[in-house]
Amino acid sequence: MFDLARNLEVWLADASRSGSISPQNLNELESHLRDAIEDLTAKGLSDQEAFLVATYRLGTPETLNAEFRKVNGSDVWRDRILWIITGYIGGTALTALFQGLSALSGATVASFGMGVGLTSFVAIAAVLICWSLLLLLIWKTAHRDHEFNRTYTVSLRWLPWLLATGLIGVGMKTVGSVVHSRFASAGDYGEFVTWVAMGNLGIYVFVLMALVTIFMTCRPSQVQCLD
């Protein structure tokens, strides 16, 4: 059975993937495409036939991207640069925040006189839980709203919040490190730092693999035009 809504979604996702078509342009294309399909079905064509004719008249996603790239070229590069900057600052800020929570968790456990093994485990677990919750949120949002299927413009209003988050994380880590060093010997604290660093390395590999998996599973499948 031909699924018109799904085929429209995938066609629009293909058109937006290169980033040359802005969200406003994409909305206009979608509106034009839906109007054309409605007119064609009113003339007696099936949904599948109307979809094929309307998309053929409008042009392939590759052709449309080439045309819009001539118009939106500077905006495309600006958005890409902003995405890179925002992604770097956001990743750094969240890493600092999670490491701050990890340092405070380890300091709290050390204050009760627990050994290096348990203290390290709690600190690593704190970071793992934070990243896991964030990945779960990204996965749910992407599957619910198809976030990776459309082009979005970066808003600079997030940058102050990300910078504040990073500063808070650095402050928490500093406090945690100072408190922890007062309850543990230099040797124990050095061993704690080593274990936490190794644990964080493993977590970063896990996060990277999870993000790649989320991105791949959220990419739209190929349009199926046959019943």
C-alpha atoms as a PDB file:
ATOM      1  CA  MET A   1       0.000   0.000   0.000  1.00  0.00           C
ATOM      2  CA  PHE A   2       1.429   3.378  -1.018  1.00  0.00           C
ATOM      3  CA  ASP A   3       2.038   5.632   2.005  1.00  0.00           C
ATOM      4  CA  LEU A   4       1.817   9.223   0.759  1.00  0.00           C
ATOM      5  CA  ALA A   5       2.726  10.829   4.094  1.00  0.00           C
ATOM      6  CA  ARG A   6       5.832   8.665   4.485  1.00  0.00           C
ATOM      7  CA  ASN A   7       6.984   9.271   0.909  1.00  0.00           C
ATOM      8  CA  LEU A   8       6.539  13.022   1.346  1.00  0.00           C
ATOM      9  CA  GLU A   9       8.533  12.913   4.560  1.00  0.00           C
ATOM     10  CA  VAL A  10      11.411  11.020   2.985  1.00  0.00           C
ATOM     11  CA  TRP A  11      11.448  13.190  -0.149  1.00  0.00           C
ATOM     12  CA  LEU A  12      11.631  16.355   1.960  1.00  0.00           C
ATOM     13  CA  ALA A  13      14.339  14.800   4.130  1.00  0.00           C
ATOM     14  CA  ASP A  14      16.392  14.011   1.032  1.00  0.00           C
ATOM     15  CA  ALA A  15      15.938  17.585  -0.187  1.00  0.00           C
ATOM     16  CA  SER A  16      17.094  19.083   3.122  1.00  0.00           C
ATOM     17  CA  ARG A  17      20.020  16.772   3.782  1.00  0.00           C
ATOM     18  CA  SER A  18      22.740  18.818   2.086  1.00  0.00           C
ATOM     19  CA  GLY A  19      21.787  21.973   3.996  1.00  0.00           C
ATOM     20  CA  SER A  20      21.426  24.143   0.882  1.00  0.00           C
ATOM     21  CA  ILE A  21      17.670  24.515   1.388  1.00  0.00           C
ATOM     22  CA  SER A  22      16.699  26.654   4.359  1.00  0.00           C
ATOM     23  CA  PRO A  23      13.771  25.717   6.650  1.00  0.00           C
ATOM     24  CA  GLN A  24      11.681  28.479   5.090  1.00  0.00           C
ATOM     25  CA  ASN A  25      12.475  27.236   1.578  1.00  0.00           C
ATOM     26  CA  LEU A  26      11.647  23.699   2.623  1.00  0.00           C
ATOM     27  CA  ASN A  27       8.270  24.744   4.002  1.00  0.00           C
ATOM     28  CA  GLU A  28       7.488  26.495   0.732  1.00  0.00           C
ATOM     29  CA  LEU A  29       8.480  23.412  -1.250  1.00  0.00           C
ATOM     30  CA  GLU A  30       6.335  21.213   0.961  1.00  0.00           C
ATOM     31  CA  SER A  31       3.341  23.515   0.577  1.00  0.00           C
ATOM     32  CA  HIS A  32       3.783  23.640  -3.193  1.00  0.00           C
ATOM     33  CA  LEU A  33       4.169  19.858  -3.388  1.00  0.00           C
ATOM     34  CA  ARG A  34       1.067  19.185  -1.290  1.00  0.00           C
ATOM     35  CA  ASP A  35      -0.994  21.627  -3.372  1.00  0.00           C
ATOM     36  CA  ALA A  36       0.149  19.966  -6.580  1.00  0.00           C
ATOM     37  CA  ILE A  37      -0.701  16.491  -5.261  1.00  0.00           C
ATOM     38  CA  GLU A  38      -4.124  17.684  -4.121  1.00  0.00           C
ATOM     39  CA  ASP A  39      -4.850  19.148  -7.565  1.00  0.00           C
ATOM     40  CA  LEU A  40      -3.729  15.979  -9.314  1.00  0.00           C
ATOM     41  CA  THR A  41      -5.771  13.675  -7.087  1.00  0.00           C
ATOM     42  CA  ALA A  42      -8.795  15.898  -7.699  1.00  0.00           C
ATOM     43  CA  LYS A  43      -8.352  15.145 -11.402  1.00  0.00           C
ATOM     44  CA  GLY A  44      -8.566  11.413 -10.765  1.00  0.00           C
ATOM     45  CA  LEU A  45      -4.962  10.339 -10.183  1.00  0.00           C
ATOM     46  CA  SER A  46      -4.100   8.022  -7.335  1.00  0.00           C
ATOM     47  CA  ASP A  47      -1.906   9.187  -4.457  1.00  0.00           C
ATOM     48  CA  GLN A  48       1.061   7.349  -5.903  1.00  0.00           C
ATOM     49  CA  GLU A  49       0.568   8.748  -9.406  1.00  0.00           C
ATOM     50  CA  ALA A  50       0.043  12.266  -8.060  1.00  0.00           C
ATOM     51  CA  PHE A  51       3.183  12.025  -5.956  1.00  0.00           C
ATOM     52  CA  LEU A  52       5.295  10.843  -8.877  1.00  0.00           C
ATOM     53  CA  VAL A  53       4.002  13.535 -11.222  1.00  0.00           C
ATOM     54  CA  ALA A  54       4.303  16.344  -8.648  1.00  0.00           C
ATOM     55  CA  THR A  55       7.855  15.466  -7.636  1.00  0.00           C
ATOM     56  CA  TYR A  56       8.868  15.063 -11.280  1.00  0.00           C
ATOM     57  CA  ARG A  57       7.583  18.526 -12.115  1.00  0.00           C
ATOM     58  CA  LEU A  58       9.214  20.070  -9.053  1.00  0.00           C
ATOM     59  CA  GLY A  59      12.573  18.441  -9.718  1.00  0.00           C
ATOM     60  CA  THR A  60      14.821  15.955  -7.979  1.00  0.00           C
ATOM     61  CA  PRO A  61      16.323  16.802  -4.549  1.00  0.00           C
ATOM     62  CA  GLU A  62      19.748  16.989  -6.199  1.00  0.00           C
ATOM     63  CA  THR A  63      18.566  19.527  -8.778  1.00  0.00           C
ATOM     64  CA  LEU A  64      16.784  21.628  -6.159  1.00  0.00           C
ATOM     65  CA  ASN A  65      19.824  21.652  -3.897  1.00  0.00           C
ATOM     66  CA  ALA A  66      22.026  22.803  -6.776  1.00  0.00           C
ATOM     67  CA  GLU A  67      19.653  25.678  -7.495  1.00  0.00           C
ATOM     68  CA  PHE A  68      19.209  26.742  -3.873  1.00  0.00           C
ATOM     69  CA  ARG A  69      22.951  26.500  -3.285  1.00  0.00           C
ATOM     70  CA  LYS A  70      23.408  29.396  -5.681  1.00  0.00           C
ATOM     71  CA  VAL A  71      21.004  31.511  -3.630  1.00  0.00           C
ATOM     72  CA  ASN A  72      21.749  30.344  -0.082  1.00  0.00           C
ATOM     73  CA  GLY A  73      25.473  29.627  -0.412  1.00  0.00           C
ATOM     74  CA  SER A  74      26.674  32.161   2.181  1.00  0.00           C
ATOM     75  CA  ASP A  75      23.886  31.266   4.630  1.00  0.00           C
ATOM     76  CA  VAL A  76      24.731  27.568   4.335  1.00  0.00           C
ATOM     77  CA  TRP A  77      28.375  28.117   5.288  1.00  0.00           C
ATOM     78  CA  ARG A  78      27.407  30.498   8.075  1.00  0.00           C
ATOM     79  CA  ASP A  79      25.045  27.903   9.564  1.00  0.00           C
ATOM     80  CA  ARG A  80      27.644  25.152   9.258  1.00  0.00           C
ATOM     81  CA  ILE A  81      30.256  27.250  11.049  1.00  0.00           C
ATOM     82  CA  LEU A  82      27.752  28.143  13.776  1.00  0.00           C
ATOM     83  CA  TRP A  83      26.832  24.460  14.168  1.00  0.00           C
ATOM     84  CA  ILE A  84      30.516  23.575  14.596  1.00  0.00           C
ATOM     85  CA  ILE A  85      31.073  26.339  17.151  1.00  0.00           C
ATOM     86  CA  THR A  86      27.891  25.564  19.060  1.00  0.00           C
ATOM     87  CA  GLY A  87      28.608  21.833  19.007  1.00  0.00           C
ATOM     88  CA  TYR A  88      32.133  22.323  20.319  1.00  0.00           C
ATOM     89  CA  ILE A  89      31.061  24.729  23.068  1.00  0.00           C
ATOM     90  CA  GLY A  90      28.078  22.554  23.966  1.00  0.00           C
ATOM     91  CA  GLY A  91      30.136  19.375  24.150  1.00  0.00           C
ATOM     92  CA  THR A  92      32.818  21.090  26.218  1.00  0.00           C
ATOM     93  CA  ALA A  93      30.238  22.618  28.573  1.00  0.00           C
ATOM     94  CA  LEU A  94      28.401  19.341  29.135  1.00  0.00           C
ATOM     95  CA  THR A  95      31.660  17.481  29.652  1.00  0.00           C
ATOM     96  CA  ALA A  96      32.708  20.035  32.272  1.00  0.00           C
ATOM     97  CA  LEU A  97      29.333  19.792  33.992  1.00  0.00           C
ATOM     98  CA  PHE A  98      29.357  15.996  34.094  1.00  0.00           C
ATOM     99  CA  GLN A  99      32.956  15.935  35.316  1.00  0.00           C
ATOM    100  CA  GLY A 100      31.979  18.388  38.022  1.00  0.00           C
ATOM    101  CA  LEU A 101      29.185  16.102  39.168  1.00  0.00           C
ATOM    102  CA  SER A 102      31.648  13.207  39.059  1.00  0.00           C
ATOM    103  CA  ALA A 103      34.168  15.090  41.220  1.00  0.00           C
ATOM    104  CA  LEU A 104      31.512  16.002  43.783  1.00  0.00           C
ATOM    105  CA  SER A 105      30.252  12.404  43.876  1.00  0.00           C
ATOM    106  CA  GLY A 106      33.749  11.078  44.450  1.00  0.00           C
ATOM    107  CA  ALA A 107      34.422  13.675  47.143  1.00  0.00           C
ATOM    108  CA  THR A 108      31.175  12.784  48.924  1.00  0.00           C
ATOM    109  CA  VAL A 109      32.032   9.088  48.986  1.00  0.00           C
ATOM    110  CA  ALA A 110      35.613   9.812  50.087  1.00  0.00           C
ATOM    111  CA  SER A 111      34.329  11.957  52.954  1.00  0.00           C
ATOM    112  CA  PHE A 112      32.740   8.814  54.433  1.00  0.00           C
ATOM    113  CA  GLY A 113      36.128   7.096  54.460  1.00  0.00           C
ATOM    114  CA  MET A 114      35.442   4.723  51.559  1.00  0.00           C
ATOM    115  CA  GLY A 115      38.296   3.192  49.584  1.00  0.00           C
ATOM    116  CA  VAL A 116      39.664   4.221  46.210  1.00  0.00           C
ATOM    117  CA  GLY A 117      37.822   1.443  44.369  1.00  0.00           C
ATOM    118  CA  LEU A 118      34.332   2.441  45.512  1.00  0.00           C
ATOM    119  CA  THR A 119      35.087   6.145  45.195  1.00  0.00           C
ATOM    120  CA  SER A 120      36.283   5.716  41.616  1.00  0.00           C
ATOM    121  CA  PHE A 121      33.293   3.538  40.741  1.00  0.00           C
ATOM    122  CA  VAL A 122      30.812   6.134  42.004  1.00  0.00           C
ATOM    123  CA  ALA A 123      32.566   8.964  40.155  1.00  0.00           C
ATOM    124  CA  ILE A 124      32.640   7.032  36.866  1.00  0.00           C
ATOM    125  CA  ALA A 125      29.048   5.873  37.320  1.00  0.00           C
ATOM    126  CA  ALA A 126      27.927   9.485  37.787  1.00  0.00           C
ATOM    127  CA  VAL A 127      29.399  10.485  34.432  1.00  0.00           C
ATOM    128  CA  LEU A 128      27.987   7.400  32.707  1.00  0.00           C
ATOM    129  CA  ILE A 129      24.489   8.062  34.051  1.00  0.00           C
ATOM    130  CA  CYS A 130      24.587  11.702  32.925  1.00  0.00           C
ATOM    131  CA  TRP A 131      25.676  10.854  29.389  1.00  0.00           C
ATOM    132  CA  SER A 132      23.200   7.965  29.175  1.00  0.00           C
ATOM    133  CA  LEU A 133      20.301  10.223  30.151  1.00  0.00           C
ATOM    134  CA  LEU A 134      21.382  12.810  27.581  1.00  0.00           C
ATOM    135  CA  LEU A 135      21.675  10.159  24.858  1.00  0.00           C
ATOM    136  CA  LEU A 136      18.239   8.823  25.758  1.00  0.00           C
ATOM    137  CA  LEU A 137      16.797  12.319  25.448  1.00  0.00           C
ATOM    138  CA  ILE A 138      18.456  12.811  22.046  1.00  0.00           C
ATOM    139  CA  TRP A 139      17.226   9.425  20.838  1.00  0.00           C
ATOM    140  CA  LYS A 140      13.632  10.049  21.942  1.00  0.00           C
ATOM    141  CA  THR A 141      13.575  13.543  20.459  1.00  0.00           C
ATOM    142  CA  ALA A 142      15.050  12.379  17.160  1.00  0.00           C
ATOM    143  CA  HIS A 143      12.602   9.502  16.765  1.00  0.00           C
ATOM    144  CA  ARG A 144       9.597  11.524  17.859  1.00  0.00           C
ATOM    145  CA  ASP A 145      10.182  14.715  15.889  1.00  0.00           C
ATOM    146  CA  HIS A 146      12.536  13.384  13.168  1.00  0.00           C
ATOM    147  CA  GLU A 147      15.070  16.046  14.157  1.00  0.00           C
ATOM    148  CA  PHE A 148      17.691  14.699  11.754  1.00  0.00           C
ATOM    149  CA  ASN A 149      15.331  14.777   8.793  1.00  0.00           C
ATOM    150  CA  ARG A 150      15.143  18.552   8.470  1.00  0.00           C
ATOM    151  CA  THR A 151      17.534  21.482   8.294  1.00  0.00           C
ATOM    152  CA  TYR A 152      17.593  23.739  11.358  1.00  0.00           C
ATOM    153  CA  THR A 153      19.188  27.128  11.874  1.00  0.00           C
ATOM    154  CA  VAL A 154      21.438  27.597  14.886  1.00  0.00           C
ATOM    155  CA  SER A 155      20.345  30.210  17.402  1.00  0.00           C
ATOM    156  CA  LEU A 156      23.056  32.163  19.214  1.00  0.00           C
ATOM    157  CA  ARG A 157      20.830  32.561  22.265  1.00  0.00           C
ATOM    158  CA  TRP A 158      22.067  29.165  23.471  1.00  0.00           C
ATOM    159  CA  LEU A 159      25.706  30.240  23.680  1.00  0.00           C
ATOM    160  CA  PRO A 160      25.444  32.207  26.995  1.00  0.00           C
ATOM    161  CA  TRP A 161      23.661  29.270  28.616  1.00  0.00           C
ATOM    162  CA  LEU A 162      26.286  26.830  27.369  1.00  0.00           C
ATOM    163  CA  LEU A 163      29.108  29.042  28.619  1.00  0.00           C
ATOM    164  CA  ALA A 164      27.396  29.359  32.010  1.00  0.00           C
ATOM    165  CA  THR A 165      26.975  25.573  32.149  1.00  0.00           C
ATOM    166  CA  GLY A 166      30.676  25.094  31.454  1.00  0.00           C
ATOM    167  CA  LEU A 167      31.694  27.558  34.152  1.00  0.00           C
ATOM    168  CA  ILE A 168      29.402  25.878  36.680  1.00  0.00           C
ATOM    169  CA  GLY A 169      30.943  22.523  35.784  1.00  0.00           C
ATOM    170  CA  VAL A 170      34.490  23.849  36.237  1.00  0.00           C
ATOM    171  CA  GLY A 171      33.519  25.295  39.618  1.00  0.00           C
ATOM    172  CA  MET A 172      31.957  22.018  40.750  1.00  0.00           C
ATOM    173  CA  LYS A 173      35.034  20.064  39.661  1.00  0.00           C
ATOM    174  CA  THR A 174      37.341  22.456  41.510  1.00  0.00           C
ATOM    175  CA  VAL A 175      35.315  22.207  44.720  1.00  0.00           C
ATOM    176  CA  GLY A 176      35.107  18.431  44.433  1.00  0.00           C
ATOM    177  CA  SER A 177      38.848  18.086  43.879  1.00  0.00           C
ATOM    178  CA  VAL A 178      39.712  20.302  46.855  1.00  0.00           C
ATOM    179  CA  VAL A 179      37.314  18.488  49.177  1.00  0.00           C
ATOM    180  CA  HIS A 180      38.443  15.066  47.970  1.00  0.00           C
ATOM    181  CA  SER A 181      42.135  15.869  48.489  1.00  0.00           C
ATOM    182  CA  ARG A 182      41.419  16.685  52.139  1.00  0.00           C
ATOM    183  CA  PHE A 183      39.907  13.282  52.855  1.00  0.00           C
ATOM    184  CA  ALA A 184      42.349  11.139  50.844  1.00  0.00           C
ATOM    185  CA  SER A 185      46.091  10.753  50.823  1.00  0.00           C
ATOM    186  CA  ALA A 186      48.107  11.959  47.841  1.00  0.00           C
ATOM    187  CA  GLY A 187      48.626   8.383  46.664  1.00  0.00           C
ATOM    188  CA  ASP A 188      44.938   7.476  46.928  1.00  0.00           C
ATOM    189  CA  TYR A 189      43.853  10.659  45.201  1.00  0.00           C
ATOM    190  CA  GLY A 190      46.337  10.075  42.366  1.00  0.00           C
ATOM    191  CA  GLU A 191      45.025   6.533  41.920  1.00  0.00           C
ATOM    192  CA  PHE A 192      41.457   7.891  41.931  1.00  0.00           C
ATOM    193  CA  VAL A 193      42.288  10.403  39.197  1.00  0.00           C
ATOM    194  CA  THR A 194      43.895   7.659  37.084  1.00  0.00           C
ATOM    195  CA  TRP A 195      40.885   5.338  37.337  1.00  0.00           C
ATOM    196  CA  VAL A 196      38.450   8.148  36.575  1.00  0.00           C
ATOM    197  CA  ALA A 197      40.473   9.222  33.526  1.00  0.00           C
ATOM    198  CA  MET A 198      40.443   5.666  32.178  1.00  0.00           C
ATOM    199  CA  GLY A 199      36.726   5.375  32.862  1.00  0.00           C
ATOM    200  CA  ASN A 200      35.992   8.667  31.109  1.00  0.00           C
ATOM    201  CA  LEU A 201      37.925   7.521  28.049  1.00  0.00           C
ATOM    202  CA  GLY A 202      35.743   4.438  27.797  1.00  0.00           C
ATOM    203  CA  ILE A 203      32.607   6.545  28.275  1.00  0.00           C
ATOM    204  CA  TYR A 204      33.604   8.938  25.478  1.00  0.00           C
ATOM    205  CA  VAL A 205      34.023   6.003  23.093  1.00  0.00           C
ATOM    206  CA  PHE A 206      30.579   4.737  24.135  1.00  0.00           C
ATOM    207  CA  VAL A 207      29.013   8.182  23.609  1.00  0.00           C
ATOM    208  CA  LEU A 208      30.559   8.542  20.157  1.00  0.00           C
ATOM    209  CA  MET A 209      29.332   5.118  19.070  1.00  0.00           C
ATOM    210  CA  ALA A 210      25.864   5.834  20.481  1.00  0.00           C
ATOM    211  CA  LEU A 211      25.609   9.165  18.627  1.00  0.00           C
ATOM    212  CA  VAL A 212      26.596   7.516  15.343  1.00  0.00           C
ATOM    213  CA  THR A 213      24.001   4.799  15.939  1.00  0.00           C
ATOM    214  CA  ILE A 214      21.282   7.358  16.711  1.00  0.00           C
ATOM    215  CA  PHE A 215      22.115   9.334  13.587  1.00  0.00           C
ATOM    216  CA  MET A 216      22.069   6.250  11.369  1.00  0.00           C
ATOM    217  CA  THR A 217      18.783   4.920  12.773  1.00  0.00           C
ATOM    218  CA  CYS A 218      17.110   8.314  12.387  1.00  0.00           C
ATOM    219  CA  ARG A 219      17.973   8.698   8.733  1.00  0.00           C
ATOM    220  CA  PRO A 220      14.909   8.175   6.561  1.00  0.00           C
ATOM    221  CA  SER A 221      14.709   5.016   4.514  1.00  0.00           C
ATOM    222  CA  GLN A 222      14.549   5.091   0.765  1.00  0.00           C
ATOM    223  CA  VAL A 223      11.258   6.188  -0.768  1.00  0.00           C
ATOM    224  CA  GLN A 224       9.152   3.246  -1.848  1.00  0.00           C
ATOM    225  CA  CYS A 225       6.895   4.199  -4.773  1.00  0.00           C
ATOM    226  CA  LEU A 226       5.528   0.765  -5.595  1.00  0.00           C
ATOM    227  CA  ASP A 227       2.444  -0.724  -3.999  1.00  0.00           C
END
